Amino acid sequence: MKVSLPKLKNQLLAMLIGILLAQTAWAQNPRKADIIILRDETKLEVLIQEVTDNAIKYKKLSDPEGPVFNVRKDEVVSIQYGNGEVETFEAVLEVPSYYAPSQTQKTPKPENNPYNNVTTVRPKTGNKFLDEIRSSTPDHLRATYKYYKAKSKSGMIMGIAGTSAGILVAAIGTGIVVGVETDANGNFATYQDQQRALRGAWMMLGGFAGAVTFGTVGFVKGGRNGSKASRIRRELLQRNEPITFQLGPGFNPINGAGYLTLKMKF
């Protein structure tokens, strides 16, 4: 059986276009958002991860790969799930606790940095992510910065590894196809040559598709999370807060005294 090499190229091109169209159609059908309605009539469009006895855990619709947030159940009126189901919650009345007259209340000492007080009103920007950053405490910002920094690094590694592996496989497949002998009319000499060409062509197709898919996904995630980490870092620097800090114990053998060292990175 003889197969023309130009005909094989046309078939491979058609299969590659089919794969790209299938990936595009799959990407355009995301999970429907869940709607959490709070008692102050606020609506949150989110992706609910878990509902526990006391809280509802969710991720932002705009950042499905981001951190998990919590909202207390007693603050929620109802949940409209993406599949159409609705769950309502009854209000719980809290009875104020009483204290003995002899007990004294300690007034917390105000902090010098106004940004550390999450009740400080700052102008809204219209950007949900930026507004949440500006209303968060320094400790929460540092934890979120580490999270997005790690996600950015893993995304870049995925992009580089996926692209490199895909190009390598495609290069091997290209070498196999080029090495197959054909006659003057471009037909394969033997059935074995045809099978080798098909295997090489599939390797080319899979390599290019893998490089495009994993490379694009990895680099997009890396860039998006890296941008968020940079924005959090700028917010910490604006507040004169360290990006990271570390406590380390030490011992001085000369005077037999112990001590702690504090390392801060800005």
Protein backbone atom coordinates (compact mmCIF):
# COMPACT_ATOMS: atom_id res chain seq x y z
CA MET A 1 0.00 0.00 0.00
CA LYS A 2 1.43 3.37 -1.02
CA VAL A 3 0.41 6.67 0.53
CA SER A 4 1.43 10.06 -0.84
CA LEU A 5 3.48 12.22 1.55
CA PRO A 6 1.59 15.46 0.67
CA LYS A 7 -1.70 13.71 1.45
CA LEU A 8 -0.34 12.63 4.84
CA LYS A 9 0.67 16.22 5.62
CA ASN A 10 -2.86 17.45 4.85
CA GLN A 11 -4.34 14.81 7.18
CA LEU A 12 -1.99 15.83 10.00
CA LEU A 13 -2.85 19.50 9.53
CA ALA A 14 -6.57 18.70 9.73
CA MET A 15 -6.06 16.69 12.94
CA LEU A 16 -4.04 19.51 14.53
CA ILE A 17 -6.77 22.04 13.72
CA GLY A 18 -9.36 19.67 15.21
CA ILE A 19 -7.39 19.37 18.45
CA LEU A 20 -7.04 23.16 18.78
CA LEU A 21 -10.76 23.68 18.14
CA ALA A 22 -11.65 21.04 20.75
CA GLN A 23 -9.42 22.72 23.33
CA THR A 24 -10.99 26.10 22.57
CA ALA A 25 -14.52 24.71 22.95
CA TRP A 26 -13.58 23.04 26.24
CA ALA A 27 -12.08 26.26 27.60
CA GLN A 28 -15.26 28.20 26.79
CA ASN A 29 -17.45 26.04 29.05
CA PRO A 30 -16.35 26.90 32.60
CA ARG A 31 -18.18 25.92 35.74
CA LYS A 32 -21.19 28.11 36.49
CA ALA A 33 -20.81 30.49 39.41
CA ASP A 34 -22.45 29.95 42.81
CA ILE A 35 -24.15 33.00 44.33
CA ILE A 36 -23.88 33.65 48.09
CA ILE A 37 -26.43 36.18 49.38
CA LEU A 38 -25.39 37.82 52.67
CA ARG A 39 -27.72 39.30 55.27
CA ASP A 40 -26.68 42.82 54.24
CA GLU A 41 -28.05 41.97 50.73
CA THR A 42 -24.55 41.65 49.27
CA LYS A 43 -24.21 39.07 46.49
CA LEU A 44 -20.97 37.15 46.00
CA GLU A 45 -20.44 35.28 42.73
CA VAL A 46 -17.95 32.57 43.69
CA LEU A 47 -16.95 28.94 43.24
CA ILE A 48 -17.90 27.13 46.45
CA GLN A 49 -15.36 24.53 47.55
CA GLU A 50 -16.89 23.22 50.80
CA VAL A 51 -19.78 23.93 53.17
CA THR A 52 -19.04 23.10 56.81
CA ASP A 53 -21.14 23.43 59.97
CA ASN A 54 -19.93 26.96 60.66
CA ALA A 55 -18.50 28.37 57.43
CA ILE A 56 -18.64 28.33 53.65
CA LYS A 57 -15.32 27.97 51.84
CA TYR A 58 -15.06 29.43 48.35
CA LYS A 59 -12.72 30.72 45.66
CA LYS A 60 -13.16 33.88 43.66
CA LEU A 61 -14.80 33.51 40.26
CA SER A 62 -12.09 35.73 38.77
CA ASP A 63 -9.29 33.61 40.28
CA PRO A 64 -10.33 29.91 40.42
CA GLU A 65 -6.73 28.87 41.06
CA GLY A 66 -6.28 31.34 43.93
CA PRO A 67 -6.55 30.94 47.71
CA VAL A 68 -9.66 29.71 49.54
CA PHE A 69 -11.74 32.28 51.45
CA ASN A 70 -14.28 31.74 54.25
CA VAL A 71 -17.58 33.35 55.15
CA ARG A 72 -19.50 32.53 58.33
CA LYS A 73 -22.82 30.77 57.93
CA ASP A 74 -24.60 33.17 60.28
CA GLU A 75 -23.81 35.97 57.80
CA VAL A 76 -25.46 34.12 54.89
CA VAL A 77 -29.14 34.19 53.90
CA SER A 78 -29.02 31.68 51.05
CA ILE A 79 -26.85 30.02 48.42
CA GLN A 80 -27.85 29.70 44.76
CA TYR A 81 -25.69 26.92 43.38
CA GLY A 82 -24.60 26.85 39.76
CA ASN A 83 -26.73 23.76 39.09
CA GLY A 84 -29.91 25.64 40.09
CA GLU A 85 -30.30 24.36 43.67
CA VAL A 86 -31.03 26.89 46.42
CA GLU A 87 -30.13 26.47 50.10
CA THR A 88 -31.37 28.89 52.77
CA PHE A 89 -30.08 29.50 56.30
CA GLU A 90 -32.00 30.70 59.34
CA ALA A 91 -30.76 33.66 61.32
CA VAL A 92 -29.12 32.86 64.65
CA LEU A 93 -29.68 35.32 67.51
CA GLU A 94 -26.61 35.90 69.61
CA VAL A 95 -27.17 36.48 73.34
CA PRO A 96 -24.72 39.06 74.71
CA SER A 97 -22.45 37.73 77.43
CA TYR A 98 -22.33 39.37 80.86
CA TYR A 99 -19.20 40.17 82.84
CA ALA A 100 -18.51 40.90 86.47
CA PRO A 101 -18.21 44.60 87.43
CA SER A 102 -14.76 43.92 88.85
CA GLN A 103 -13.47 42.93 85.45
CA THR A 104 -11.68 45.69 83.60
CA GLN A 105 -11.47 46.02 79.90
CA LYS A 106 -8.09 46.65 78.37
CA THR A 107 -8.09 49.25 75.65
CA PRO A 108 -5.75 48.19 72.86
CA LYS A 109 -2.94 50.57 72.14
CA PRO A 110 -3.42 52.23 68.76
CA GLU A 111 -0.84 51.40 66.15
CA ASN A 112 1.26 54.10 64.60
CA ASN A 113 0.83 52.78 61.07
CA PRO A 114 -2.72 53.60 59.87
CA TYR A 115 -2.54 50.90 57.17
CA ASN A 116 -2.40 48.17 59.84
CA ASN A 117 -5.90 49.06 61.00
CA VAL A 118 -8.23 47.22 58.63
CA THR A 119 -11.09 49.56 59.61
CA THR A 120 -9.30 52.52 58.06
CA VAL A 121 -11.43 53.72 55.16
CA ARG A 122 -9.50 54.06 51.93
CA PRO A 123 -10.99 55.13 48.60
CA LYS A 124 -12.40 52.34 46.45
CA THR A 125 -10.62 51.73 43.17
CA GLY A 126 -13.22 49.56 41.44
CA ASN A 127 -10.70 46.69 41.30
CA LYS A 128 -11.82 43.91 43.67
CA PHE A 129 -8.35 42.42 44.06
CA LEU A 130 -6.76 45.82 44.76
CA ASP A 131 -9.50 46.80 47.22
CA GLU A 132 -9.04 43.54 49.15
CA ILE A 133 -5.28 44.10 49.30
CA ARG A 134 -5.72 47.61 50.66
CA SER A 135 -8.11 46.38 53.38
CA SER A 136 -5.99 43.40 54.51
CA THR A 137 -3.64 43.21 57.48
CA PRO A 138 0.15 42.96 56.96
CA ASP A 139 0.23 39.34 58.18
CA HIS A 140 -2.48 38.35 55.71
CA LEU A 141 -0.67 40.18 52.92
CA ARG A 142 2.60 38.38 53.67
CA ALA A 143 0.87 34.99 53.62
CA THR A 144 -0.91 35.83 50.36
CA TYR A 145 2.33 37.12 48.84
CA LYS A 146 4.08 33.79 49.58
CA TYR A 147 1.14 31.90 48.06
CA TYR A 148 1.11 33.82 44.77
CA LYS A 149 4.92 33.82 44.59
CA ALA A 150 4.99 30.01 44.85
CA LYS A 151 2.16 29.66 42.30
CA SER A 152 4.01 31.95 39.90
CA LYS A 153 7.20 29.91 40.20
CA SER A 154 5.38 26.60 39.65
CA GLY A 155 3.57 28.05 36.63
CA MET A 156 6.82 29.19 35.01
CA ILE A 157 8.40 25.78 35.66
CA MET A 158 5.38 24.10 34.08
CA GLY A 159 5.58 26.37 31.04
CA ILE A 160 9.31 25.84 30.50
CA ALA A 161 9.15 22.08 31.09
CA GLY A 162 6.05 21.62 28.91
CA THR A 163 7.46 23.66 26.05
CA SER A 164 10.86 21.96 26.19
CA ALA A 165 9.40 18.45 26.33
CA GLY A 166 6.94 19.18 23.51
CA ILE A 167 9.63 20.62 21.25
CA LEU A 168 11.91 17.65 21.95
CA VAL A 169 9.20 15.12 21.06
CA ALA A 170 8.27 17.10 17.93
CA ALA A 171 11.93 17.26 16.88
CA ILE A 172 12.30 13.48 17.24
CA GLY A 173 9.14 12.94 15.19
CA THR A 174 10.39 15.35 12.53
CA GLY A 175 13.66 13.43 12.29
CA ILE A 176 11.78 10.17 11.81
CA VAL A 177 9.58 11.60 9.05
CA VAL A 178 12.52 13.19 7.24
CA GLY A 179 14.49 9.95 7.43
CA VAL A 180 11.81 7.90 5.66
CA GLU A 181 12.71 7.07 2.07
CA THR A 182 10.31 7.92 -0.76
CA ASP A 183 10.41 7.39 -4.51
CA ALA A 184 10.54 10.05 -7.21
CA ASN A 185 6.75 10.56 -6.99
CA GLY A 186 6.78 11.17 -3.21
CA ASN A 187 5.31 7.75 -2.35
CA PHE A 188 6.62 5.53 0.43
CA ALA A 189 8.76 2.66 -0.78
CA THR A 190 7.44 0.05 1.69
CA TYR A 191 4.66 -0.45 4.20
CA GLN A 192 7.23 -0.25 7.03
CA ASP A 193 8.31 3.19 5.79
CA GLN A 194 4.70 4.31 5.84
CA GLN A 195 4.24 3.14 9.46
CA ARG A 196 7.45 4.87 10.52
CA ALA A 197 6.27 8.09 8.91
CA LEU A 198 2.91 7.84 10.68
CA ARG A 199 4.59 7.31 14.07
CA GLY A 200 6.88 10.24 13.45
CA ALA A 201 3.97 12.40 12.35
CA TRP A 202 2.00 11.56 15.49
CA MET A 203 5.03 12.48 17.58
CA MET A 204 5.28 15.80 15.73
CA LEU A 205 1.58 16.47 16.27
CA GLY A 206 1.62 15.50 19.94
CA GLY A 207 4.83 17.41 20.61
CA PHE A 208 3.60 20.66 19.09
CA ALA A 209 0.18 20.35 20.75
CA GLY A 210 1.77 19.62 24.14
CA ALA A 211 4.22 22.50 23.83
CA VAL A 212 1.44 24.93 22.92
CA THR A 213 -0.97 23.71 25.61
CA PHE A 214 1.32 23.27 28.61
CA GLY A 215 3.56 26.16 27.63
CA THR A 216 0.67 28.59 27.28
CA VAL A 217 -1.10 27.46 30.46
CA GLY A 218 2.11 27.50 32.50
CA PHE A 219 3.33 30.90 31.35
CA VAL A 220 -0.12 32.48 31.71
CA LYS A 221 -0.46 31.20 35.28
CA GLY A 222 3.09 32.24 36.11
CA GLY A 223 2.61 35.75 34.76
CA ARG A 224 -0.81 36.27 36.33
CA ASN A 225 0.23 35.07 39.80
CA GLY A 226 3.54 36.92 39.54
CA SER A 227 1.67 40.16 38.82
CA LYS A 228 -0.51 39.65 41.90
CA ALA A 229 2.54 38.94 44.06
CA SER A 230 4.21 42.13 42.80
CA ARG A 231 1.10 44.18 43.61
CA ILE A 232 1.01 42.79 47.17
CA ARG A 233 4.72 43.51 47.55
CA ARG A 234 4.19 47.14 46.53
CA GLU A 235 1.39 47.45 49.09
CA LEU A 236 3.65 46.14 51.88
CA LEU A 237 6.44 48.51 50.88
CA GLN A 238 3.97 51.39 50.84
CA ARG A 239 3.09 50.55 54.44
CA ASN A 240 6.79 50.26 55.40
CA GLU A 241 6.16 46.61 56.27
CA PRO A 242 8.75 43.85 55.69
CA ILE A 243 8.03 41.31 52.96
CA THR A 244 9.29 38.46 55.15
CA PHE A 245 10.75 38.22 58.63
CA GLN A 246 12.37 35.38 60.53
CA LEU A 247 13.21 34.80 64.21
CA GLY A 248 16.26 32.70 65.00
CA PRO A 249 17.57 31.61 68.44
CA GLY A 250 21.25 31.99 69.33
CA PHE A 251 23.64 31.40 72.22
CA ASN A 252 26.72 33.34 73.34
CA PRO A 253 29.18 30.88 74.96
CA ILE A 254 31.29 33.70 76.42
CA ASN A 255 28.70 35.07 78.82
CA GLY A 256 26.34 32.07 78.67
CA ALA A 257 23.39 34.15 77.46
CA GLY A 258 20.80 33.25 74.87
CA TYR A 259 19.34 35.66 72.36
CA LEU A 260 16.97 35.94 69.41
CA THR A 261 17.82 37.41 66.02
CA LEU A 262 15.21 39.04 63.80
CA LYS A 263 15.78 39.05 60.04
CA MET A 264 13.52 41.23 57.93
CA LYS A 265 13.43 41.54 54.14
CA PHE A 266 12.00 44.62 52.45
